Amino acid sequence: FSDTEDDRLQFVRNDTGDITGFQL
C-alpha cells in the first residue's frame, strides 16, 4: 500500500491461474 508498509494485499489463484480472491 502506498501509505503504509505494515500490510500487503496478496491475490490468490486457483490451479488454472484464475484469481479467486485475496488476503491481507
PDBML (XML) file of the C-alpha atoms, coordinates in Angstrom:
<?xml version="1.0" encoding="UTF-8" ?>
<PDBx:datablock datablockName="MODEL"
   xmlns:PDBx="http://pdbml.pdb.org/schema/pdbx-v50.xsd"
   xmlns:xsi="http://www.w3.org/2001/XMLSchema-instance"
   xsi:schemaLocation="http://pdbml.pdb.org/schema/pdbx-v50.xsd pdbx-v50.xsd">
   <PDBx:atom_siteCategory>
      <PDBx:atom_site id="1">
         <PDBx:B_iso_or_equiv>0.00</PDBx:B_iso_or_equiv>
         <PDBx:Cartn_x>0.000</PDBx:Cartn_x>
         <PDBx:Cartn_y>0.000</PDBx:Cartn_y>
         <PDBx:Cartn_z>0.000</PDBx:Cartn_z>
         <PDBx:auth_asym_id>A</PDBx:auth_asym_id>
         <PDBx:auth_atom_id>CA</PDBx:auth_atom_id>
         <PDBx:auth_comp_id>PHE</PDBx:auth_comp_id>
         <PDBx:auth_seq_id>1</PDBx:auth_seq_id>
         <PDBx:group_PDB>ATOM</PDBx:group_PDB>
         <PDBx:label_alt_id xsi:nil="true" />
         <PDBx:label_asym_id>A</PDBx:label_asym_id>
         <PDBx:label_atom_id>CA</PDBx:label_atom_id>
         <PDBx:label_comp_id>PHE</PDBx:label_comp_id>
         <PDBx:label_entity_id>1</PDBx:label_entity_id>
         <PDBx:label_seq_id>1</PDBx:label_seq_id>
         <PDBx:occupancy>1.00</PDBx:occupancy>
         <PDBx:pdbx_PDB_model_num>1</PDBx:pdbx_PDB_model_num>
         <PDBx:type_symbol>C</PDBx:type_symbol>
      </PDBx:atom_site>
      <PDBx:atom_site id="2">
         <PDBx:B_iso_or_equiv>0.00</PDBx:B_iso_or_equiv>
         <PDBx:Cartn_x>1.291</PDBx:Cartn_x>
         <PDBx:Cartn_y>3.465</PDBx:Cartn_y>
         <PDBx:Cartn_z>-0.856</PDBx:Cartn_z>
         <PDBx:auth_asym_id>A</PDBx:auth_asym_id>
         <PDBx:auth_atom_id>CA</PDBx:auth_atom_id>
         <PDBx:auth_comp_id>SER</PDBx:auth_comp_id>
         <PDBx:auth_seq_id>2</PDBx:auth_seq_id>
         <PDBx:group_PDB>ATOM</PDBx:group_PDB>
         <PDBx:label_alt_id xsi:nil="true" />
         <PDBx:label_asym_id>A</PDBx:label_asym_id>
         <PDBx:label_atom_id>CA</PDBx:label_atom_id>
         <PDBx:label_comp_id>SER</PDBx:label_comp_id>
         <PDBx:label_entity_id>1</PDBx:label_entity_id>
         <PDBx:label_seq_id>2</PDBx:label_seq_id>
         <PDBx:occupancy>1.00</PDBx:occupancy>
         <PDBx:pdbx_PDB_model_num>1</PDBx:pdbx_PDB_model_num>
         <PDBx:type_symbol>C</PDBx:type_symbol>
      </PDBx:atom_site>
      <PDBx:atom_site id="3">
         <PDBx:B_iso_or_equiv>0.00</PDBx:B_iso_or_equiv>
         <PDBx:Cartn_x>0.515</PDBx:Cartn_x>
         <PDBx:Cartn_y>4.807</PDBx:Cartn_y>
         <PDBx:Cartn_z>2.630</PDBx:Cartn_z>
         <PDBx:auth_asym_id>A</PDBx:auth_asym_id>
         <PDBx:auth_atom_id>CA</PDBx:auth_atom_id>
         <PDBx:auth_comp_id>ASP</PDBx:auth_comp_id>
         <PDBx:auth_seq_id>3</PDBx:auth_seq_id>
         <PDBx:group_PDB>ATOM</PDBx:group_PDB>
         <PDBx:label_alt_id xsi:nil="true" />
         <PDBx:label_asym_id>A</PDBx:label_asym_id>
         <PDBx:label_atom_id>CA</PDBx:label_atom_id>
         <PDBx:label_comp_id>ASP</PDBx:label_comp_id>
         <PDBx:label_entity_id>1</PDBx:label_entity_id>
         <PDBx:label_seq_id>3</PDBx:label_seq_id>
         <PDBx:occupancy>1.00</PDBx:occupancy>
         <PDBx:pdbx_PDB_model_num>1</PDBx:pdbx_PDB_model_num>
         <PDBx:type_symbol>C</PDBx:type_symbol>
      </PDBx:atom_site>
      <PDBx:atom_site id="4">
         <PDBx:B_iso_or_equiv>0.00</PDBx:B_iso_or_equiv>
         <PDBx:Cartn_x>1.890</PDBx:Cartn_x>
         <PDBx:Cartn_y>2.009</PDBx:Cartn_y>
         <PDBx:Cartn_z>4.871</PDBx:Cartn_z>
         <PDBx:auth_asym_id>A</PDBx:auth_asym_id>
         <PDBx:auth_atom_id>CA</PDBx:auth_atom_id>
         <PDBx:auth_comp_id>THR</PDBx:auth_comp_id>
         <PDBx:auth_seq_id>4</PDBx:auth_seq_id>
         <PDBx:group_PDB>ATOM</PDBx:group_PDB>
         <PDBx:label_alt_id xsi:nil="true" />
         <PDBx:label_asym_id>A</PDBx:label_asym_id>
         <PDBx:label_atom_id>CA</PDBx:label_atom_id>
         <PDBx:label_comp_id>THR</PDBx:label_comp_id>
         <PDBx:label_entity_id>1</PDBx:label_entity_id>
         <PDBx:label_seq_id>4</PDBx:label_seq_id>
         <PDBx:occupancy>1.00</PDBx:occupancy>
         <PDBx:pdbx_PDB_model_num>1</PDBx:pdbx_PDB_model_num>
         <PDBx:type_symbol>C</PDBx:type_symbol>
      </PDBx:atom_site>
      <PDBx:atom_site id="5">
         <PDBx:B_iso_or_equiv>0.00</PDBx:B_iso_or_equiv>
         <PDBx:Cartn_x>4.500</PDBx:Cartn_x>
         <PDBx:Cartn_y>-0.727</PDBx:Cartn_y>
         <PDBx:Cartn_z>4.963</PDBx:Cartn_z>
         <PDBx:auth_asym_id>A</PDBx:auth_asym_id>
         <PDBx:auth_atom_id>CA</PDBx:auth_atom_id>
         <PDBx:auth_comp_id>GLU</PDBx:auth_comp_id>
         <PDBx:auth_seq_id>5</PDBx:auth_seq_id>
         <PDBx:group_PDB>ATOM</PDBx:group_PDB>
         <PDBx:label_alt_id xsi:nil="true" />
         <PDBx:label_asym_id>A</PDBx:label_asym_id>
         <PDBx:label_atom_id>CA</PDBx:label_atom_id>
         <PDBx:label_comp_id>GLU</PDBx:label_comp_id>
         <PDBx:label_entity_id>1</PDBx:label_entity_id>
         <PDBx:label_seq_id>5</PDBx:label_seq_id>
         <PDBx:occupancy>1.00</PDBx:occupancy>
         <PDBx:pdbx_PDB_model_num>1</PDBx:pdbx_PDB_model_num>
         <PDBx:type_symbol>C</PDBx:type_symbol>
      </PDBx:atom_site>
      <PDBx:atom_site id="6">
         <PDBx:B_iso_or_equiv>0.00</PDBx:B_iso_or_equiv>
         <PDBx:Cartn_x>2.606</PDBx:Cartn_x>
         <PDBx:Cartn_y>-2.702</PDBx:Cartn_y>
         <PDBx:Cartn_z>7.606</PDBx:Cartn_z>
         <PDBx:auth_asym_id>A</PDBx:auth_asym_id>
         <PDBx:auth_atom_id>CA</PDBx:auth_atom_id>
         <PDBx:auth_comp_id>ASP</PDBx:auth_comp_id>
         <PDBx:auth_seq_id>6</PDBx:auth_seq_id>
         <PDBx:group_PDB>ATOM</PDBx:group_PDB>
         <PDBx:label_alt_id xsi:nil="true" />
         <PDBx:label_asym_id>A</PDBx:label_asym_id>
         <PDBx:label_atom_id>CA</PDBx:label_atom_id>
         <PDBx:label_comp_id>ASP</PDBx:label_comp_id>
         <PDBx:label_entity_id>1</PDBx:label_entity_id>
         <PDBx:label_seq_id>6</PDBx:label_seq_id>
         <PDBx:occupancy>1.00</PDBx:occupancy>
         <PDBx:pdbx_PDB_model_num>1</PDBx:pdbx_PDB_model_num>
         <PDBx:type_symbol>C</PDBx:type_symbol>
      </PDBx:atom_site>
      <PDBx:atom_site id="7">
         <PDBx:B_iso_or_equiv>0.00</PDBx:B_iso_or_equiv>
         <PDBx:Cartn_x>0.197</PDBx:Cartn_x>
         <PDBx:Cartn_y>-4.548</PDBx:Cartn_y>
         <PDBx:Cartn_z>5.323</PDBx:Cartn_z>
         <PDBx:auth_asym_id>A</PDBx:auth_asym_id>
         <PDBx:auth_atom_id>CA</PDBx:auth_atom_id>
         <PDBx:auth_comp_id>ASP</PDBx:auth_comp_id>
         <PDBx:auth_seq_id>7</PDBx:auth_seq_id>
         <PDBx:group_PDB>ATOM</PDBx:group_PDB>
         <PDBx:label_alt_id xsi:nil="true" />
         <PDBx:label_asym_id>A</PDBx:label_asym_id>
         <PDBx:label_atom_id>CA</PDBx:label_atom_id>
         <PDBx:label_comp_id>ASP</PDBx:label_comp_id>
         <PDBx:label_entity_id>1</PDBx:label_entity_id>
         <PDBx:label_seq_id>7</PDBx:label_seq_id>
         <PDBx:occupancy>1.00</PDBx:occupancy>
         <PDBx:pdbx_PDB_model_num>1</PDBx:pdbx_PDB_model_num>
         <PDBx:type_symbol>C</PDBx:type_symbol>
      </PDBx:atom_site>
      <PDBx:atom_site id="8">
         <PDBx:B_iso_or_equiv>0.00</PDBx:B_iso_or_equiv>
         <PDBx:Cartn_x>0.243</PDBx:Cartn_x>
         <PDBx:Cartn_y>-6.328</PDBx:Cartn_y>
         <PDBx:Cartn_z>1.974</PDBx:Cartn_z>
         <PDBx:auth_asym_id>A</PDBx:auth_asym_id>
         <PDBx:auth_atom_id>CA</PDBx:auth_atom_id>
         <PDBx:auth_comp_id>ARG</PDBx:auth_comp_id>
         <PDBx:auth_seq_id>8</PDBx:auth_seq_id>
         <PDBx:group_PDB>ATOM</PDBx:group_PDB>
         <PDBx:label_alt_id xsi:nil="true" />
         <PDBx:label_asym_id>A</PDBx:label_asym_id>
         <PDBx:label_atom_id>CA</PDBx:label_atom_id>
         <PDBx:label_comp_id>ARG</PDBx:label_comp_id>
         <PDBx:label_entity_id>1</PDBx:label_entity_id>
         <PDBx:label_seq_id>8</PDBx:label_seq_id>
         <PDBx:occupancy>1.00</PDBx:occupancy>
         <PDBx:pdbx_PDB_model_num>1</PDBx:pdbx_PDB_model_num>
         <PDBx:type_symbol>C</PDBx:type_symbol>
      </PDBx:atom_site>
      <PDBx:atom_site id="9">
         <PDBx:B_iso_or_equiv>0.00</PDBx:B_iso_or_equiv>
         <PDBx:Cartn_x>-2.545</PDBx:Cartn_x>
         <PDBx:Cartn_y>-7.475</PDBx:Cartn_y>
         <PDBx:Cartn_z>-0.326</PDBx:Cartn_z>
         <PDBx:auth_asym_id>A</PDBx:auth_asym_id>
         <PDBx:auth_atom_id>CA</PDBx:auth_atom_id>
         <PDBx:auth_comp_id>LEU</PDBx:auth_comp_id>
         <PDBx:auth_seq_id>9</PDBx:auth_seq_id>
         <PDBx:group_PDB>ATOM</PDBx:group_PDB>
         <PDBx:label_alt_id xsi:nil="true" />
         <PDBx:label_asym_id>A</PDBx:label_asym_id>
         <PDBx:label_atom_id>CA</PDBx:label_atom_id>
         <PDBx:label_comp_id>LEU</PDBx:label_comp_id>
         <PDBx:label_entity_id>1</PDBx:label_entity_id>
         <PDBx:label_seq_id>9</PDBx:label_seq_id>
         <PDBx:occupancy>1.00</PDBx:occupancy>
         <PDBx:pdbx_PDB_model_num>1</PDBx:pdbx_PDB_model_num>
         <PDBx:type_symbol>C</PDBx:type_symbol>
      </PDBx:atom_site>
      <PDBx:atom_site id="10">
         <PDBx:B_iso_or_equiv>0.00</PDBx:B_iso_or_equiv>
         <PDBx:Cartn_x>-1.965</PDBx:Cartn_x>
         <PDBx:Cartn_y>-10.854</PDBx:Cartn_y>
         <PDBx:Cartn_z>-1.964</PDBx:Cartn_z>
         <PDBx:auth_asym_id>A</PDBx:auth_asym_id>
         <PDBx:auth_atom_id>CA</PDBx:auth_atom_id>
         <PDBx:auth_comp_id>GLN</PDBx:auth_comp_id>
         <PDBx:auth_seq_id>10</PDBx:auth_seq_id>
         <PDBx:group_PDB>ATOM</PDBx:group_PDB>
         <PDBx:label_alt_id xsi:nil="true" />
         <PDBx:label_asym_id>A</PDBx:label_asym_id>
         <PDBx:label_atom_id>CA</PDBx:label_atom_id>
         <PDBx:label_comp_id>GLN</PDBx:label_comp_id>
         <PDBx:label_entity_id>1</PDBx:label_entity_id>
         <PDBx:label_seq_id>10</PDBx:label_seq_id>
         <PDBx:occupancy>1.00</PDBx:occupancy>
         <PDBx:pdbx_PDB_model_num>1</PDBx:pdbx_PDB_model_num>
         <PDBx:type_symbol>C</PDBx:type_symbol>
      </PDBx:atom_site>
      <PDBx:atom_site id="11">
         <PDBx:B_iso_or_equiv>0.00</PDBx:B_iso_or_equiv>
         <PDBx:Cartn_x>-4.116</PDBx:Cartn_x>
         <PDBx:Cartn_y>-12.165</PDBx:Cartn_y>
         <PDBx:Cartn_z>-4.792</PDBx:Cartn_z>
         <PDBx:auth_asym_id>A</PDBx:auth_asym_id>
         <PDBx:auth_atom_id>CA</PDBx:auth_atom_id>
         <PDBx:auth_comp_id>PHE</PDBx:auth_comp_id>
         <PDBx:auth_seq_id>11</PDBx:auth_seq_id>
         <PDBx:group_PDB>ATOM</PDBx:group_PDB>
         <PDBx:label_alt_id xsi:nil="true" />
         <PDBx:label_asym_id>A</PDBx:label_asym_id>
         <PDBx:label_atom_id>CA</PDBx:label_atom_id>
         <PDBx:label_comp_id>PHE</PDBx:label_comp_id>
         <PDBx:label_entity_id>1</PDBx:label_entity_id>
         <PDBx:label_seq_id>11</PDBx:label_seq_id>
         <PDBx:occupancy>1.00</PDBx:occupancy>
         <PDBx:pdbx_PDB_model_num>1</PDBx:pdbx_PDB_model_num>
         <PDBx:type_symbol>C</PDBx:type_symbol>
      </PDBx:atom_site>
      <PDBx:atom_site id="12">
         <PDBx:B_iso_or_equiv>0.00</PDBx:B_iso_or_equiv>
         <PDBx:Cartn_x>-4.937</PDBx:Cartn_x>
         <PDBx:Cartn_y>-15.885</PDBx:Cartn_y>
         <PDBx:Cartn_z>-4.571</PDBx:Cartn_z>
         <PDBx:auth_asym_id>A</PDBx:auth_asym_id>
         <PDBx:auth_atom_id>CA</PDBx:auth_atom_id>
         <PDBx:auth_comp_id>VAL</PDBx:auth_comp_id>
         <PDBx:auth_seq_id>12</PDBx:auth_seq_id>
         <PDBx:group_PDB>ATOM</PDBx:group_PDB>
         <PDBx:label_alt_id xsi:nil="true" />
         <PDBx:label_asym_id>A</PDBx:label_asym_id>
         <PDBx:label_atom_id>CA</PDBx:label_atom_id>
         <PDBx:label_comp_id>VAL</PDBx:label_comp_id>
         <PDBx:label_entity_id>1</PDBx:label_entity_id>
         <PDBx:label_seq_id>12</PDBx:label_seq_id>
         <PDBx:occupancy>1.00</PDBx:occupancy>
         <PDBx:pdbx_PDB_model_num>1</PDBx:pdbx_PDB_model_num>
         <PDBx:type_symbol>C</PDBx:type_symbol>
      </PDBx:atom_site>
      <PDBx:atom_site id="13">
         <PDBx:B_iso_or_equiv>0.00</PDBx:B_iso_or_equiv>
         <PDBx:Cartn_x>-5.095</PDBx:Cartn_x>
         <PDBx:Cartn_y>-18.026</PDBx:Cartn_y>
         <PDBx:Cartn_z>-7.705</PDBx:Cartn_z>
         <PDBx:auth_asym_id>A</PDBx:auth_asym_id>
         <PDBx:auth_atom_id>CA</PDBx:auth_atom_id>
         <PDBx:auth_comp_id>ARG</PDBx:auth_comp_id>
         <PDBx:auth_seq_id>13</PDBx:auth_seq_id>
         <PDBx:group_PDB>ATOM</PDBx:group_PDB>
         <PDBx:label_alt_id xsi:nil="true" />
         <PDBx:label_asym_id>A</PDBx:label_asym_id>
         <PDBx:label_atom_id>CA</PDBx:label_atom_id>
         <PDBx:label_comp_id>ARG</PDBx:label_comp_id>
         <PDBx:label_entity_id>1</PDBx:label_entity_id>
         <PDBx:label_seq_id>13</PDBx:label_seq_id>
         <PDBx:occupancy>1.00</PDBx:occupancy>
         <PDBx:pdbx_PDB_model_num>1</PDBx:pdbx_PDB_model_num>
         <PDBx:type_symbol>C</PDBx:type_symbol>
      </PDBx:atom_site>
      <PDBx:atom_site id="14">
         <PDBx:B_iso_or_equiv>0.00</PDBx:B_iso_or_equiv>
         <PDBx:Cartn_x>-6.647</PDBx:Cartn_x>
         <PDBx:Cartn_y>-21.439</PDBx:Cartn_y>
         <PDBx:Cartn_z>-8.347</PDBx:Cartn_z>
         <PDBx:auth_asym_id>A</PDBx:auth_asym_id>
         <PDBx:auth_atom_id>CA</PDBx:auth_atom_id>
         <PDBx:auth_comp_id>ASN</PDBx:auth_comp_id>
         <PDBx:auth_seq_id>14</PDBx:auth_seq_id>
         <PDBx:group_PDB>ATOM</PDBx:group_PDB>
         <PDBx:label_alt_id xsi:nil="true" />
         <PDBx:label_asym_id>A</PDBx:label_asym_id>
         <PDBx:label_atom_id>CA</PDBx:label_atom_id>
         <PDBx:label_comp_id>ASN</PDBx:label_comp_id>
         <PDBx:label_entity_id>1</PDBx:label_entity_id>
         <PDBx:label_seq_id>14</PDBx:label_seq_id>
         <PDBx:occupancy>1.00</PDBx:occupancy>
         <PDBx:pdbx_PDB_model_num>1</PDBx:pdbx_PDB_model_num>
         <PDBx:type_symbol>C</PDBx:type_symbol>
      </PDBx:atom_site>
      <PDBx:atom_site id="15">
         <PDBx:B_iso_or_equiv>0.00</PDBx:B_iso_or_equiv>
         <PDBx:Cartn_x>-4.934</PDBx:Cartn_x>
         <PDBx:Cartn_y>-24.338</PDBx:Cartn_y>
         <PDBx:Cartn_z>-10.135</PDBx:Cartn_z>
         <PDBx:auth_asym_id>A</PDBx:auth_asym_id>
         <PDBx:auth_atom_id>CA</PDBx:auth_atom_id>
         <PDBx:auth_comp_id>ASP</PDBx:auth_comp_id>
         <PDBx:auth_seq_id>15</PDBx:auth_seq_id>
         <PDBx:group_PDB>ATOM</PDBx:group_PDB>
         <PDBx:label_alt_id xsi:nil="true" />
         <PDBx:label_asym_id>A</PDBx:label_asym_id>
         <PDBx:label_atom_id>CA</PDBx:label_atom_id>
         <PDBx:label_comp_id>ASP</PDBx:label_comp_id>
         <PDBx:label_entity_id>1</PDBx:label_entity_id>
         <PDBx:label_seq_id>15</PDBx:label_seq_id>
         <PDBx:occupancy>1.00</PDBx:occupancy>
         <PDBx:pdbx_PDB_model_num>1</PDBx:pdbx_PDB_model_num>
         <PDBx:type_symbol>C</PDBx:type_symbol>
      </PDBx:atom_site>
      <PDBx:atom_site id="16">
         <PDBx:B_iso_or_equiv>0.00</PDBx:B_iso_or_equiv>
         <PDBx:Cartn_x>-5.744</PDBx:Cartn_x>
         <PDBx:Cartn_y>-22.847</PDBx:Cartn_y>
         <PDBx:Cartn_z>-13.554</PDBx:Cartn_z>
         <PDBx:auth_asym_id>A</PDBx:auth_asym_id>
         <PDBx:auth_atom_id>CA</PDBx:auth_atom_id>
         <PDBx:auth_comp_id>THR</PDBx:auth_comp_id>
         <PDBx:auth_seq_id>16</PDBx:auth_seq_id>
         <PDBx:group_PDB>ATOM</PDBx:group_PDB>
         <PDBx:label_alt_id xsi:nil="true" />
         <PDBx:label_asym_id>A</PDBx:label_asym_id>
         <PDBx:label_atom_id>CA</PDBx:label_atom_id>
         <PDBx:label_comp_id>THR</PDBx:label_comp_id>
         <PDBx:label_entity_id>1</PDBx:label_entity_id>
         <PDBx:label_seq_id>16</PDBx:label_seq_id>
         <PDBx:occupancy>1.00</PDBx:occupancy>
         <PDBx:pdbx_PDB_model_num>1</PDBx:pdbx_PDB_model_num>
         <PDBx:type_symbol>C</PDBx:type_symbol>
      </PDBx:atom_site>
      <PDBx:atom_site id="17">
         <PDBx:B_iso_or_equiv>0.00</PDBx:B_iso_or_equiv>
         <PDBx:Cartn_x>-4.290</PDBx:Cartn_x>
         <PDBx:Cartn_y>-19.443</PDBx:Cartn_y>
         <PDBx:Cartn_z>-12.664</PDBx:Cartn_z>
         <PDBx:auth_asym_id>A</PDBx:auth_asym_id>
         <PDBx:auth_atom_id>CA</PDBx:auth_atom_id>
         <PDBx:auth_comp_id>GLY</PDBx:auth_comp_id>
         <PDBx:auth_seq_id>17</PDBx:auth_seq_id>
         <PDBx:group_PDB>ATOM</PDBx:group_PDB>
         <PDBx:label_alt_id xsi:nil="true" />
         <PDBx:label_asym_id>A</PDBx:label_asym_id>
         <PDBx:label_atom_id>CA</PDBx:label_atom_id>
         <PDBx:label_comp_id>GLY</PDBx:label_comp_id>
         <PDBx:label_entity_id>1</PDBx:label_entity_id>
         <PDBx:label_seq_id>17</PDBx:label_seq_id>
         <PDBx:occupancy>1.00</PDBx:occupancy>
         <PDBx:pdbx_PDB_model_num>1</PDBx:pdbx_PDB_model_num>
         <PDBx:type_symbol>C</PDBx:type_symbol>
      </PDBx:atom_site>
      <PDBx:atom_site id="18">
         <PDBx:B_iso_or_equiv>0.00</PDBx:B_iso_or_equiv>
         <PDBx:Cartn_x>-7.572</PDBx:Cartn_x>
         <PDBx:Cartn_y>-17.558</PDBx:Cartn_y>
         <PDBx:Cartn_z>-12.259</PDBx:Cartn_z>
         <PDBx:auth_asym_id>A</PDBx:auth_asym_id>
         <PDBx:auth_atom_id>CA</PDBx:auth_atom_id>
         <PDBx:auth_comp_id>ASP</PDBx:auth_comp_id>
         <PDBx:auth_seq_id>18</PDBx:auth_seq_id>
         <PDBx:group_PDB>ATOM</PDBx:group_PDB>
         <PDBx:label_alt_id xsi:nil="true" />
         <PDBx:label_asym_id>A</PDBx:label_asym_id>
         <PDBx:label_atom_id>CA</PDBx:label_atom_id>
         <PDBx:label_comp_id>ASP</PDBx:label_comp_id>
         <PDBx:label_entity_id>1</PDBx:label_entity_id>
         <PDBx:label_seq_id>18</PDBx:label_seq_id>
         <PDBx:occupancy>1.00</PDBx:occupancy>
         <PDBx:pdbx_PDB_model_num>1</PDBx:pdbx_PDB_model_num>
         <PDBx:type_symbol>C</PDBx:type_symbol>
      </PDBx:atom_site>
      <PDBx:atom_site id="19">
         <PDBx:B_iso_or_equiv>0.00</PDBx:B_iso_or_equiv>
         <PDBx:Cartn_x>-7.734</PDBx:Cartn_x>
         <PDBx:Cartn_y>-15.094</PDBx:Cartn_y>
         <PDBx:Cartn_z>-9.371</PDBx:Cartn_z>
         <PDBx:auth_asym_id>A</PDBx:auth_asym_id>
         <PDBx:auth_atom_id>CA</PDBx:auth_atom_id>
         <PDBx:auth_comp_id>ILE</PDBx:auth_comp_id>
         <PDBx:auth_seq_id>19</PDBx:auth_seq_id>
         <PDBx:group_PDB>ATOM</PDBx:group_PDB>
         <PDBx:label_alt_id xsi:nil="true" />
         <PDBx:label_asym_id>A</PDBx:label_asym_id>
         <PDBx:label_atom_id>CA</PDBx:label_atom_id>
         <PDBx:label_comp_id>ILE</PDBx:label_comp_id>
         <PDBx:label_entity_id>1</PDBx:label_entity_id>
         <PDBx:label_seq_id>19</PDBx:label_seq_id>
         <PDBx:occupancy>1.00</PDBx:occupancy>
         <PDBx:pdbx_PDB_model_num>1</PDBx:pdbx_PDB_model_num>
         <PDBx:type_symbol>C</PDBx:type_symbol>
      </PDBx:atom_site>
      <PDBx:atom_site id="20">
         <PDBx:B_iso_or_equiv>0.00</PDBx:B_iso_or_equiv>
         <PDBx:Cartn_x>-10.256</PDBx:Cartn_x>
         <PDBx:Cartn_y>-16.403</PDBx:Cartn_y>
         <PDBx:Cartn_z>-6.849</PDBx:Cartn_z>
         <PDBx:auth_asym_id>A</PDBx:auth_asym_id>
         <PDBx:auth_atom_id>CA</PDBx:auth_atom_id>
         <PDBx:auth_comp_id>THR</PDBx:auth_comp_id>
         <PDBx:auth_seq_id>20</PDBx:auth_seq_id>
         <PDBx:group_PDB>ATOM</PDBx:group_PDB>
         <PDBx:label_alt_id xsi:nil="true" />
         <PDBx:label_asym_id>A</PDBx:label_asym_id>
         <PDBx:label_atom_id>CA</PDBx:label_atom_id>
         <PDBx:label_comp_id>THR</PDBx:label_comp_id>
         <PDBx:label_entity_id>1</PDBx:label_entity_id>
         <PDBx:label_seq_id>20</PDBx:label_seq_id>
         <PDBx:occupancy>1.00</PDBx:occupancy>
         <PDBx:pdbx_PDB_model_num>1</PDBx:pdbx_PDB_model_num>
         <PDBx:type_symbol>C</PDBx:type_symbol>
      </PDBx:atom_site>
      <PDBx:atom_site id="21">
         <PDBx:B_iso_or_equiv>0.00</PDBx:B_iso_or_equiv>
         <PDBx:Cartn_x>-9.797</PDBx:Cartn_x>
         <PDBx:Cartn_y>-13.855</PDBx:Cartn_y>
         <PDBx:Cartn_z>-4.085</PDBx:Cartn_z>
         <PDBx:auth_asym_id>A</PDBx:auth_asym_id>
         <PDBx:auth_atom_id>CA</PDBx:auth_atom_id>
         <PDBx:auth_comp_id>GLY</PDBx:auth_comp_id>
         <PDBx:auth_seq_id>21</PDBx:auth_seq_id>
         <PDBx:group_PDB>ATOM</PDBx:group_PDB>
         <PDBx:label_alt_id xsi:nil="true" />
         <PDBx:label_asym_id>A</PDBx:label_asym_id>
         <PDBx:label_atom_id>CA</PDBx:label_atom_id>
         <PDBx:label_comp_id>GLY</PDBx:label_comp_id>
         <PDBx:label_entity_id>1</PDBx:label_entity_id>
         <PDBx:label_seq_id>21</PDBx:label_seq_id>
         <PDBx:occupancy>1.00</PDBx:occupancy>
         <PDBx:pdbx_PDB_model_num>1</PDBx:pdbx_PDB_model_num>
         <PDBx:type_symbol>C</PDBx:type_symbol>
      </PDBx:atom_site>
      <PDBx:atom_site id="22">
         <PDBx:B_iso_or_equiv>0.00</PDBx:B_iso_or_equiv>
         <PDBx:Cartn_x>-7.262</PDBx:Cartn_x>
         <PDBx:Cartn_y>-12.031</PDBx:Cartn_y>
         <PDBx:Cartn_z>-1.985</PDBx:Cartn_z>
         <PDBx:auth_asym_id>A</PDBx:auth_asym_id>
         <PDBx:auth_atom_id>CA</PDBx:auth_atom_id>
         <PDBx:auth_comp_id>PHE</PDBx:auth_comp_id>
         <PDBx:auth_seq_id>22</PDBx:auth_seq_id>
         <PDBx:group_PDB>ATOM</PDBx:group_PDB>
         <PDBx:label_alt_id xsi:nil="true" />
         <PDBx:label_asym_id>A</PDBx:label_asym_id>
         <PDBx:label_atom_id>CA</PDBx:label_atom_id>
         <PDBx:label_comp_id>PHE</PDBx:label_comp_id>
         <PDBx:label_entity_id>1</PDBx:label_entity_id>
         <PDBx:label_seq_id>22</PDBx:label_seq_id>
         <PDBx:occupancy>1.00</PDBx:occupancy>
         <PDBx:pdbx_PDB_model_num>1</PDBx:pdbx_PDB_model_num>
         <PDBx:type_symbol>C</PDBx:type_symbol>
      </PDBx:atom_site>
      <PDBx:atom_site id="23">
         <PDBx:B_iso_or_equiv>0.00</PDBx:B_iso_or_equiv>
         <PDBx:Cartn_x>-5.884</PDBx:Cartn_x>
         <PDBx:Cartn_y>-11.981</PDBx:Cartn_y>
         <PDBx:Cartn_z>1.502</PDBx:Cartn_z>
         <PDBx:auth_asym_id>A</PDBx:auth_asym_id>
         <PDBx:auth_atom_id>CA</PDBx:auth_atom_id>
         <PDBx:auth_comp_id>GLN</PDBx:auth_comp_id>
         <PDBx:auth_seq_id>23</PDBx:auth_seq_id>
         <PDBx:group_PDB>ATOM</PDBx:group_PDB>
         <PDBx:label_alt_id xsi:nil="true" />
         <PDBx:label_asym_id>A</PDBx:label_asym_id>
         <PDBx:label_atom_id>CA</PDBx:label_atom_id>
         <PDBx:label_comp_id>GLN</PDBx:label_comp_id>
         <PDBx:label_entity_id>1</PDBx:label_entity_id>
         <PDBx:label_seq_id>23</PDBx:label_seq_id>
         <PDBx:occupancy>1.00</PDBx:occupancy>
         <PDBx:pdbx_PDB_model_num>1</PDBx:pdbx_PDB_model_num>
         <PDBx:type_symbol>C</PDBx:type_symbol>
      </PDBx:atom_site>
      <PDBx:atom_site id="24">
         <PDBx:B_iso_or_equiv>0.00</PDBx:B_iso_or_equiv>
         <PDBx:Cartn_x>-4.443</PDBx:Cartn_x>
         <PDBx:Cartn_y>-9.227</PDBx:Cartn_y>
         <PDBx:Cartn_z>3.642</PDBx:Cartn_z>
         <PDBx:auth_asym_id>A</PDBx:auth_asym_id>
         <PDBx:auth_atom_id>CA</PDBx:auth_atom_id>
         <PDBx:auth_comp_id>LEU</PDBx:auth_comp_id>
         <PDBx:auth_seq_id>24</PDBx:auth_seq_id>
         <PDBx:group_PDB>ATOM</PDBx:group_PDB>
         <PDBx:label_alt_id xsi:nil="true" />
         <PDBx:label_asym_id>A</PDBx:label_asym_id>
         <PDBx:label_atom_id>CA</PDBx:label_atom_id>
         <PDBx:label_comp_id>LEU</PDBx:label_comp_id>
         <PDBx:label_entity_id>1</PDBx:label_entity_id>
         <PDBx:label_seq_id>24</PDBx:label_seq_id>
         <PDBx:occupancy>1.00</PDBx:occupancy>
         <PDBx:pdbx_PDB_model_num>1</PDBx:pdbx_PDB_model_num>
         <PDBx:type_symbol>C</PDBx:type_symbol>
      </PDBx:atom_site>
   </PDBx:atom_siteCategory>
</PDBx:datablock>
